[in-house]
Amino acid sequence: MKAVIARKPGSELADRIAKEAIEILRRHGVETCDFPNCNPCESDFVVVIGGDGTLLYVASKTPCDTPPIITIRAGRRAFLLELEESEVEDGLKSFLEGRYSIEKHKRLRFGEFNAMNEIAVLSKGRRVTKLSVYSDGSKIYEGLEGDGLIISTTLGSTAYALSAGGPLIDPRLDAILIVPVNPIQLNVRPVVLPSTAEVTINIEYNLEEVDVLIDGIISTKAKNISSSLDGPYVTLARFKPRKFYERLIELRSL
């Protein structure tokens, strides 16, 4: 078996945990290789050590359906990560013995990019942008003025979309969330769409490109925007019941 080890850069805690994980895996005959030197798509599983940003970064560099990802916390914001430092050995042994469950999350697709959390469509500089938004050809926002909008997965409903005033959605549900960012119109509200919807956005103000930010990591520009929830899966290995609402309470206390 081959494992890719990805750690939070510049973190002594992540480096220490990675060293321990590598020693454990090698004792069990698992070949290890550090990310990004090795491609997760060509491995049997991935070990991510850090915070949510580390996981999102690894996912952004993995354009395939990911192999199982074991997540170990070594960051302050680690809503998506599971194992504590004290649980590393037991967790890795459980995985190698097949004692784990799988949690799959489909990503939003935008051109060549895939988003685990969200795609943010934002105005350039300090200008107000004006957008019309469609779901499968049906208009859901017309002349939406403001700083832009967020297209989010249910997993991403706890991230940027939440900060912008969107609702919390249990990630076990399949849906697409649209959240306007600082709209001028006071009657504009977030919209939840079915997972099968295709979202298209027309830019109506100045006909310029807008900035597009994928999972807070990849930044690009676009004139025409189309996205759907048919990107490759992110597969997380889980070792204990996922207590979504308890984790939310922990997140709010940070």
C-alpha atoms as a PDB file:
ATOM      1  CA  MET A   1       0.000   0.000   0.000  1.00  0.00           C
ATOM      2  CA  LYS A   2       1.025   3.588  -0.579  1.00  0.00           C
ATOM      3  CA  ALA A   3       0.032   6.614   1.511  1.00  0.00           C
ATOM      4  CA  VAL A   4       0.494  10.304   0.770  1.00  0.00           C
ATOM      5  CA  ILE A   5       1.213  12.438   3.851  1.00  0.00           C
ATOM      6  CA  ALA A   6       0.092  16.086   3.736  1.00  0.00           C
ATOM      7  CA  ARG A   7       0.851  18.402   6.635  1.00  0.00           C
ATOM      8  CA  LYS A   8       0.205  22.031   7.536  1.00  0.00           C
ATOM      9  CA  PRO A   9       3.292  24.014   6.465  1.00  0.00           C
ATOM     10  CA  GLY A  10       5.317  25.631   9.226  1.00  0.00           C
ATOM     11  CA  SER A  11       3.557  23.771  12.048  1.00  0.00           C
ATOM     12  CA  GLU A  12       5.774  21.997  14.575  1.00  0.00           C
ATOM     13  CA  LEU A  13       2.749  20.049  15.815  1.00  0.00           C
ATOM     14  CA  ALA A  14       1.899  18.866  12.298  1.00  0.00           C
ATOM     15  CA  ASP A  15       5.536  17.883  11.692  1.00  0.00           C
ATOM     16  CA  ARG A  16       5.623  15.893  14.932  1.00  0.00           C
ATOM     17  CA  ILE A  17       2.384  14.074  14.140  1.00  0.00           C
ATOM     18  CA  ALA A  18       3.541  13.386  10.572  1.00  0.00           C
ATOM     19  CA  LYS A  19       6.762  11.821  11.841  1.00  0.00           C
ATOM     20  CA  GLU A  20       4.784   9.558  14.181  1.00  0.00           C
ATOM     21  CA  ALA A  21       2.302   8.613  11.447  1.00  0.00           C
ATOM     22  CA  ILE A  22       5.068   7.744   8.989  1.00  0.00           C
ATOM     23  CA  GLU A  23       6.811   5.523  11.553  1.00  0.00           C
ATOM     24  CA  ILE A  24       3.563   3.683  12.336  1.00  0.00           C
ATOM     25  CA  LEU A  25       2.683   3.158   8.679  1.00  0.00           C
ATOM     26  CA  ARG A  26       6.150   1.934   7.733  1.00  0.00           C
ATOM     27  CA  ARG A  27       6.075  -0.589  10.577  1.00  0.00           C
ATOM     28  CA  HIS A  28       2.947  -1.969   8.917  1.00  0.00           C
ATOM     29  CA  GLY A  29       4.572  -2.170   5.502  1.00  0.00           C
ATOM     30  CA  VAL A  30       2.998   0.968   4.030  1.00  0.00           C
ATOM     31  CA  GLU A  31       5.084   3.058   1.653  1.00  0.00           C
ATOM     32  CA  THR A  32       4.794   6.785   2.395  1.00  0.00           C
ATOM     33  CA  CYS A  33       5.463   9.881   0.335  1.00  0.00           C
ATOM     34  CA  ASP A  34       5.096  13.563   1.186  1.00  0.00           C
ATOM     35  CA  PHE A  35       2.568  15.806  -0.542  1.00  0.00           C
ATOM     36  CA  PRO A  36       2.906  17.490  -3.028  1.00  0.00           C
ATOM     37  CA  ASN A  37       5.822  15.338  -4.232  1.00  0.00           C
ATOM     38  CA  CYS A  38       3.383  12.475  -4.774  1.00  0.00           C
ATOM     39  CA  ASN A  39      -0.037  12.556  -6.409  1.00  0.00           C
ATOM     40  CA  PRO A  40      -2.925  11.526  -4.101  1.00  0.00           C
ATOM     41  CA  CYS A  41      -4.742  10.137  -7.162  1.00  0.00           C
ATOM     42  CA  GLU A  42      -2.028   7.473  -7.414  1.00  0.00           C
ATOM     43  CA  SER A  43      -2.102   6.448  -3.741  1.00  0.00           C
ATOM     44  CA  ASP A  44      -4.212   4.029  -1.702  1.00  0.00           C
ATOM     45  CA  PHE A  45      -5.000   6.620   0.948  1.00  0.00           C
ATOM     46  CA  VAL A  46      -4.025  10.080   2.174  1.00  0.00           C
ATOM     47  CA  VAL A  47      -3.217  11.356   5.662  1.00  0.00           C
ATOM     48  CA  VAL A  48      -3.959  15.069   6.129  1.00  0.00           C
ATOM     49  CA  ILE A  49      -2.506  16.731   9.239  1.00  0.00           C
ATOM     50  CA  GLY A  50      -3.480  20.324   9.979  1.00  0.00           C
ATOM     51  CA  GLY A  51      -6.676  22.340   9.800  1.00  0.00           C
ATOM     52  CA  ASP A  52      -9.529  22.772   7.354  1.00  0.00           C
ATOM     53  CA  GLY A  53      -7.326  24.852   5.062  1.00  0.00           C
ATOM     54  CA  THR A  54      -4.857  21.980   4.733  1.00  0.00           C
ATOM     55  CA  LEU A  55      -7.632  19.593   3.709  1.00  0.00           C
ATOM     56  CA  LEU A  56      -9.098  22.080   1.227  1.00  0.00           C
ATOM     57  CA  TYR A  57      -5.668  22.680  -0.304  1.00  0.00           C
ATOM     58  CA  VAL A  58      -5.004  18.964  -0.761  1.00  0.00           C
ATOM     59  CA  ALA A  59      -8.459  18.506  -2.294  1.00  0.00           C
ATOM     60  CA  SER A  60      -7.828  21.415  -4.681  1.00  0.00           C
ATOM     61  CA  LYS A  61      -4.733  19.618  -5.980  1.00  0.00           C
ATOM     62  CA  THR A  62      -6.544  16.280  -6.358  1.00  0.00           C
ATOM     63  CA  PRO A  63      -8.744  16.392  -9.490  1.00  0.00           C
ATOM     64  CA  CYS A  64      -9.893  12.772  -9.175  1.00  0.00           C
ATOM     65  CA  ASP A  65     -12.314  11.014  -6.839  1.00  0.00           C
ATOM     66  CA  THR A  66      -9.955  11.003  -3.876  1.00  0.00           C
ATOM     67  CA  PRO A  67      -8.804   7.838  -2.148  1.00  0.00           C
ATOM     68  CA  PRO A  68      -9.842   7.689   1.529  1.00  0.00           C
ATOM     69  CA  ILE A  69      -8.455  10.647   3.468  1.00  0.00           C
ATOM     70  CA  ILE A  70      -7.563  10.204   7.153  1.00  0.00           C
ATOM     71  CA  THR A  71      -7.785  13.573   8.906  1.00  0.00           C
ATOM     72  CA  ILE A  72      -5.733  14.531  11.974  1.00  0.00           C
ATOM     73  CA  ARG A  73      -6.153  17.849  13.759  1.00  0.00           C
ATOM     74  CA  ALA A  74      -3.152  20.136  14.055  1.00  0.00           C
ATOM     75  CA  GLY A  75      -4.800  23.495  13.554  1.00  0.00           C
ATOM     76  CA  ARG A  76      -7.153  25.837  15.373  1.00  0.00           C
ATOM     77  CA  ARG A  77      -9.864  25.644  12.710  1.00  0.00           C
ATOM     78  CA  ALA A  78     -10.381  21.935  12.166  1.00  0.00           C
ATOM     79  CA  PHE A  79     -14.125  21.487  11.741  1.00  0.00           C
ATOM     80  CA  LEU A  80     -13.697  18.859   9.017  1.00  0.00           C
ATOM     81  CA  LEU A  81     -10.840  16.960  10.654  1.00  0.00           C
ATOM     82  CA  GLU A  82     -11.382  14.135  13.107  1.00  0.00           C
ATOM     83  CA  LEU A  83      -8.495  12.490  14.971  1.00  0.00           C
ATOM     84  CA  GLU A  84      -6.604  14.097  17.851  1.00  0.00           C
ATOM     85  CA  GLU A  85      -2.860  13.618  18.288  1.00  0.00           C
ATOM     86  CA  SER A  86      -3.481  10.996  20.988  1.00  0.00           C
ATOM     87  CA  GLU A  87      -5.635   8.964  18.566  1.00  0.00           C
ATOM     88  CA  VAL A  88      -3.185   8.735  15.680  1.00  0.00           C
ATOM     89  CA  GLU A  89      -1.860   5.219  16.278  1.00  0.00           C
ATOM     90  CA  ASP A  90      -5.260   3.675  17.001  1.00  0.00           C
ATOM     91  CA  GLY A  91      -6.786   5.464  14.016  1.00  0.00           C
ATOM     92  CA  LEU A  92      -4.126   4.312  11.564  1.00  0.00           C
ATOM     93  CA  LYS A  93      -4.298   0.733  12.832  1.00  0.00           C
ATOM     94  CA  SER A  94      -8.082   0.773  12.531  1.00  0.00           C
ATOM     95  CA  PHE A  95      -7.816   1.968   8.953  1.00  0.00           C
ATOM     96  CA  LEU A  96      -5.308  -0.716   7.984  1.00  0.00           C
ATOM     97  CA  GLU A  97      -7.592  -3.328   9.552  1.00  0.00           C
ATOM     98  CA  GLY A  98     -10.611  -2.024   7.651  1.00  0.00           C
ATOM     99  CA  ARG A  99     -12.414  -0.693  10.734  1.00  0.00           C
ATOM    100  CA  TYR A 100     -13.668   2.638   9.456  1.00  0.00           C
ATOM    101  CA  SER A 101     -16.597   4.175   7.608  1.00  0.00           C
ATOM    102  CA  ILE A 102     -16.641   6.321   4.482  1.00  0.00           C
ATOM    103  CA  GLU A 103     -18.035   9.843   4.188  1.00  0.00           C
ATOM    104  CA  LYS A 104     -18.330  11.092   0.609  1.00  0.00           C
ATOM    105  CA  HIS A 105     -18.786  14.681  -0.503  1.00  0.00           C
ATOM    106  CA  LYS A 106     -19.331  15.681  -4.118  1.00  0.00           C
ATOM    107  CA  ARG A 107     -17.621  18.856  -5.237  1.00  0.00           C
ATOM    108  CA  LEU A 108     -18.889  21.810  -7.249  1.00  0.00           C
ATOM    109  CA  ARG A 109     -17.437  21.945 -10.724  1.00  0.00           C
ATOM    110  CA  PHE A 110     -16.446  25.238 -12.350  1.00  0.00           C
ATOM    111  CA  GLY A 111     -14.552  24.722 -15.596  1.00  0.00           C
ATOM    112  CA  GLU A 112     -11.322  22.932 -14.747  1.00  0.00           C
ATOM    113  CA  PHE A 113     -11.717  23.648 -11.022  1.00  0.00           C
ATOM    114  CA  ASN A 114     -13.510  21.754  -8.258  1.00  0.00           C
ATOM    115  CA  ALA A 115     -14.748  23.237  -4.976  1.00  0.00           C
ATOM    116  CA  MET A 116     -15.253  21.252  -1.799  1.00  0.00           C
ATOM    117  CA  ASN A 117     -16.788  24.213   0.063  1.00  0.00           C
ATOM    118  CA  GLU A 118     -17.695  27.069  -2.234  1.00  0.00           C
ATOM    119  CA  ILE A 119     -17.209  29.167  -5.329  1.00  0.00           C
ATOM    120  CA  ALA A 120     -17.275  32.891  -4.532  1.00  0.00           C
ATOM    121  CA  VAL A 121     -18.113  35.276  -7.382  1.00  0.00           C
ATOM    122  CA  LEU A 122     -16.916  38.713  -6.274  1.00  0.00           C
ATOM    123  CA  SER A 123     -16.806  42.239  -7.665  1.00  0.00           C
ATOM    124  CA  LYS A 124     -13.445  43.620  -8.737  1.00  0.00           C
ATOM    125  CA  GLY A 125     -11.951  46.229  -6.473  1.00  0.00           C
ATOM    126  CA  ARG A 126     -14.547  48.421  -4.805  1.00  0.00           C
ATOM    127  CA  ARG A 127     -17.092  48.330  -7.604  1.00  0.00           C
ATOM    128  CA  VAL A 128     -20.621  47.064  -7.159  1.00  0.00           C
ATOM    129  CA  THR A 129     -21.403  44.123  -9.410  1.00  0.00           C
ATOM    130  CA  LYS A 130     -24.767  43.408 -11.014  1.00  0.00           C
ATOM    131  CA  LEU A 131     -25.654  39.776 -11.663  1.00  0.00           C
ATOM    132  CA  SER A 132     -28.544  37.691 -12.909  1.00  0.00           C
ATOM    133  CA  VAL A 133     -28.576  34.108 -11.674  1.00  0.00           C
ATOM    134  CA  TYR A 134     -30.323  31.111 -13.221  1.00  0.00           C
ATOM    135  CA  SER A 135     -31.046  27.563 -12.082  1.00  0.00           C
ATOM    136  CA  ASP A 136     -31.543  25.210 -15.037  1.00  0.00           C
ATOM    137  CA  GLY A 137     -32.514  28.220 -17.142  1.00  0.00           C
ATOM    138  CA  SER A 138     -35.022  29.638 -14.650  1.00  0.00           C
ATOM    139  CA  LYS A 139     -34.128  33.050 -13.245  1.00  0.00           C
ATOM    140  CA  ILE A 140     -33.745  33.144  -9.445  1.00  0.00           C
ATOM    141  CA  TYR A 141     -32.070  36.562  -9.106  1.00  0.00           C
ATOM    142  CA  GLU A 142     -32.443  39.448 -11.556  1.00  0.00           C
ATOM    143  CA  GLY A 143     -30.182  42.478 -11.387  1.00  0.00           C
ATOM    144  CA  LEU A 144     -28.630  41.393  -8.084  1.00  0.00           C
ATOM    145  CA  GLU A 145     -26.428  44.293  -6.991  1.00  0.00           C
ATOM    146  CA  GLY A 146     -23.767  44.035  -4.318  1.00  0.00           C
ATOM    147  CA  ASP A 147     -20.358  42.508  -3.743  1.00  0.00           C
ATOM    148  CA  GLY A 148     -21.214  39.233  -5.490  1.00  0.00           C
ATOM    149  CA  LEU A 149     -22.499  35.849  -4.383  1.00  0.00           C
ATOM    150  CA  ILE A 150     -21.415  32.456  -3.090  1.00  0.00           C
ATOM    151  CA  ILE A 151     -22.280  29.086  -4.611  1.00  0.00           C
ATOM    152  CA  SER A 152     -21.829  26.577  -1.799  1.00  0.00           C
ATOM    153  CA  THR A 153     -22.072  22.886  -1.062  1.00  0.00           C
ATOM    154  CA  THR A 154     -23.858  21.817   2.116  1.00  0.00           C
ATOM    155  CA  LEU A 155     -20.432  21.078   3.596  1.00  0.00           C
ATOM    156  CA  GLY A 156     -19.460  24.661   2.793  1.00  0.00           C
ATOM    157  CA  SER A 157     -22.557  26.030   4.523  1.00  0.00           C
ATOM    158  CA  THR A 158     -20.465  26.209   7.724  1.00  0.00           C
ATOM    159  CA  ALA A 159     -17.768  28.323   6.048  1.00  0.00           C
ATOM    160  CA  TYR A 160     -17.832  31.519   3.947  1.00  0.00           C
ATOM    161  CA  ALA A 161     -21.538  31.084   3.160  1.00  0.00           C
ATOM    162  CA  LEU A 162     -22.358  31.122   6.879  1.00  0.00           C
ATOM    163  CA  SER A 163     -20.346  34.314   7.414  1.00  0.00           C
ATOM    164  CA  ALA A 164     -22.290  35.922   4.548  1.00  0.00           C
ATOM    165  CA  GLY A 165     -25.625  35.164   6.222  1.00  0.00           C
ATOM    166  CA  GLY A 166     -26.463  31.800   4.692  1.00  0.00           C
ATOM    167  CA  PRO A 167     -28.231  28.989   6.578  1.00  0.00           C
ATOM    168  CA  LEU A 168     -26.556  25.980   8.128  1.00  0.00           C
ATOM    169  CA  ILE A 169     -27.350  22.839   6.145  1.00  0.00           C
ATOM    170  CA  ASP A 170     -26.608  19.349   7.411  1.00  0.00           C
ATOM    171  CA  PRO A 171     -23.830  18.006   5.122  1.00  0.00           C
ATOM    172  CA  ARG A 172     -25.648  14.677   4.861  1.00  0.00           C
ATOM    173  CA  LEU A 173     -28.065  16.473   2.527  1.00  0.00           C
ATOM    174  CA  ASP A 174     -27.276  16.959  -1.154  1.00  0.00           C
ATOM    175  CA  ALA A 175     -28.035  20.526  -2.201  1.00  0.00           C
ATOM    176  CA  ILE A 176     -26.552  23.713  -3.633  1.00  0.00           C
ATOM    177  CA  LEU A 177     -26.726  26.928  -1.633  1.00  0.00           C
ATOM    178  CA  ILE A 178     -26.699  30.400  -3.220  1.00  0.00           C
ATOM    179  CA  VAL A 179     -25.856  33.272  -0.855  1.00  0.00           C
ATOM    180  CA  PRO A 180     -25.687  36.927  -2.000  1.00  0.00           C
ATOM    181  CA  VAL A 181     -22.766  38.897  -0.551  1.00  0.00           C
ATOM    182  CA  ASN A 182     -23.743  42.321   0.821  1.00  0.00           C
ATOM    183  CA  PRO A 183     -26.700  42.862  -1.550  1.00  0.00           C
ATOM    184  CA  ILE A 184     -28.037  46.388  -1.981  1.00  0.00           C
ATOM    185  CA  GLN A 185     -31.611  45.106  -2.284  1.00  0.00           C
ATOM    186  CA  LEU A 186     -33.017  44.460   1.199  1.00  0.00           C
ATOM    187  CA  ASN A 187     -35.443  41.750   0.091  1.00  0.00           C
ATOM    188  CA  VAL A 188     -32.793  39.392  -1.290  1.00  0.00           C
ATOM    189  CA  ARG A 189     -32.400  36.089   0.562  1.00  0.00           C
ATOM    190  CA  PRO A 190     -30.275  32.938   0.164  1.00  0.00           C
ATOM    191  CA  VAL A 191     -31.710  30.147  -1.989  1.00  0.00           C
ATOM    192  CA  VAL A 192     -31.296  26.379  -1.606  1.00  0.00           C
ATOM    193  CA  LEU A 193     -31.335  24.419  -4.879  1.00  0.00           C
ATOM    194  CA  PRO A 194     -31.470  20.676  -5.583  1.00  0.00           C
ATOM    195  CA  SER A 195     -28.160  18.923  -6.109  1.00  0.00           C
ATOM    196  CA  THR A 196     -29.041  18.318  -9.778  1.00  0.00           C
ATOM    197  CA  ALA A 197     -29.313  22.040 -10.592  1.00  0.00           C
ATOM    198  CA  GLU A 198     -26.967  23.828 -12.956  1.00  0.00           C
ATOM    199  CA  VAL A 199     -26.249  27.385 -11.835  1.00  0.00           C
ATOM    200  CA  THR A 200     -25.370  30.010 -14.430  1.00  0.00           C
ATOM    201  CA  ILE A 201     -24.508  33.658 -13.777  1.00  0.00           C
ATOM    202  CA  ASN A 202     -24.671  36.568 -16.205  1.00  0.00           C
ATOM    203  CA  ILE A 203     -22.644  39.684 -15.448  1.00  0.00           C
ATOM    204  CA  GLU A 204     -24.732  42.741 -16.299  1.00  0.00           C
ATOM    205  CA  TYR A 205     -22.730  45.644 -14.885  1.00  0.00           C
ATOM    206  CA  ASN A 206     -19.951  47.025 -17.123  1.00  0.00           C
ATOM    207  CA  LEU A 207     -19.718  43.585 -18.772  1.00  0.00           C
ATOM    208  CA  GLU A 208     -16.358  43.067 -17.099  1.00  0.00           C
ATOM    209  CA  GLU A 209     -14.813  39.977 -15.648  1.00  0.00           C
ATOM    210  CA  VAL A 210     -15.445  39.184 -12.007  1.00  0.00           C
ATOM    211  CA  ASP A 211     -13.085  37.590  -9.518  1.00  0.00           C
ATOM    212  CA  VAL A 212     -13.804  33.948  -8.749  1.00  0.00           C
ATOM    213  CA  LEU A 213     -12.388  32.391  -5.581  1.00  0.00           C
ATOM    214  CA  ILE A 214     -12.524  28.610  -5.196  1.00  0.00           C
ATOM    215  CA  ASP A 215     -12.427  27.352  -1.590  1.00  0.00           C
ATOM    216  CA  GLY A 216     -10.478  30.473  -0.618  1.00  0.00           C
ATOM    217  CA  ILE A 217      -7.429  28.985  -2.329  1.00  0.00           C
ATOM    218  CA  ILE A 218      -7.605  29.323  -6.108  1.00  0.00           C
ATOM    219  CA  SER A 219      -8.269  32.759  -7.591  1.00  0.00           C
ATOM    220  CA  THR A 220      -9.243  33.293 -11.215  1.00  0.00           C
ATOM    221  CA  LYS A 221     -11.343  35.621 -13.362  1.00  0.00           C
ATOM    222  CA  ALA A 222     -14.353  34.888 -15.529  1.00  0.00           C
ATOM    223  CA  LYS A 223     -16.970  36.502 -17.764  1.00  0.00           C
ATOM    224  CA  ASN A 224     -19.286  33.525 -17.954  1.00  0.00           C
ATOM    225  CA  ILE A 225     -19.965  31.365 -14.925  1.00  0.00           C
ATOM    226  CA  SER A 226     -21.609  27.966 -14.837  1.00  0.00           C
ATOM    227  CA  SER A 227     -21.402  25.470 -11.989  1.00  0.00           C
ATOM    228  CA  SER A 228     -23.002  22.200 -10.981  1.00  0.00           C
ATOM    229  CA  LEU A 229     -22.581  19.638  -8.221  1.00  0.00           C
ATOM    230  CA  ASP A 230     -21.030  16.971 -10.424  1.00  0.00           C
ATOM    231  CA  GLY A 231     -17.358  17.315  -9.576  1.00  0.00           C
ATOM    232  CA  PRO A 232     -15.275  14.416  -8.249  1.00  0.00           C
ATOM    233  CA  TYR A 233     -15.878  13.135  -4.741  1.00  0.00           C
ATOM    234  CA  VAL A 234     -13.808  13.853  -1.673  1.00  0.00           C
ATOM    235  CA  THR A 235     -13.782  10.666   0.413  1.00  0.00           C
ATOM    236  CA  LEU A 236     -13.110  10.972   4.147  1.00  0.00           C
ATOM    237  CA  ALA A 237     -12.311   7.980   6.369  1.00  0.00           C
ATOM    238  CA  ARG A 238     -14.183   8.224   9.677  1.00  0.00           C
ATOM    239  CA  PHE A 239     -13.599   6.250  12.868  1.00  0.00           C
ATOM    240  CA  LYS A 240     -16.362   7.469  15.163  1.00  0.00           C
ATOM    241  CA  PRO A 241     -19.903   8.808  14.796  1.00  0.00           C
ATOM    242  CA  ARG A 242     -19.902  12.224  13.142  1.00  0.00           C
ATOM    243  CA  LYS A 243     -21.568  14.639  15.548  1.00  0.00           C
ATOM    244  CA  PHE A 244     -22.227  17.582  13.246  1.00  0.00           C
ATOM    245  CA  TYR A 245     -24.108  19.780  15.698  1.00  0.00           C
ATOM    246  CA  GLU A 246     -21.693  19.171  18.584  1.00  0.00           C
ATOM    247  CA  ARG A 247     -18.830  20.189  16.296  1.00  0.00           C
ATOM    248  CA  LEU A 248     -20.758  23.345  15.398  1.00  0.00           C
ATOM    249  CA  ILE A 249     -20.948  24.281  19.067  1.00  0.00           C
ATOM    250  CA  GLU A 250     -17.171  23.763  19.350  1.00  0.00           C
ATOM    251  CA  LEU A 251     -16.634  25.883  16.235  1.00  0.00           C
ATOM    252  CA  ARG A 252     -18.662  28.771  17.637  1.00  0.00           C
ATOM    253  CA  SER A 253     -16.510  28.798  20.773  1.00  0.00           C
ATOM    254  CA  LEU A 254     -13.273  29.347  18.828  1.00  0.00           C
END
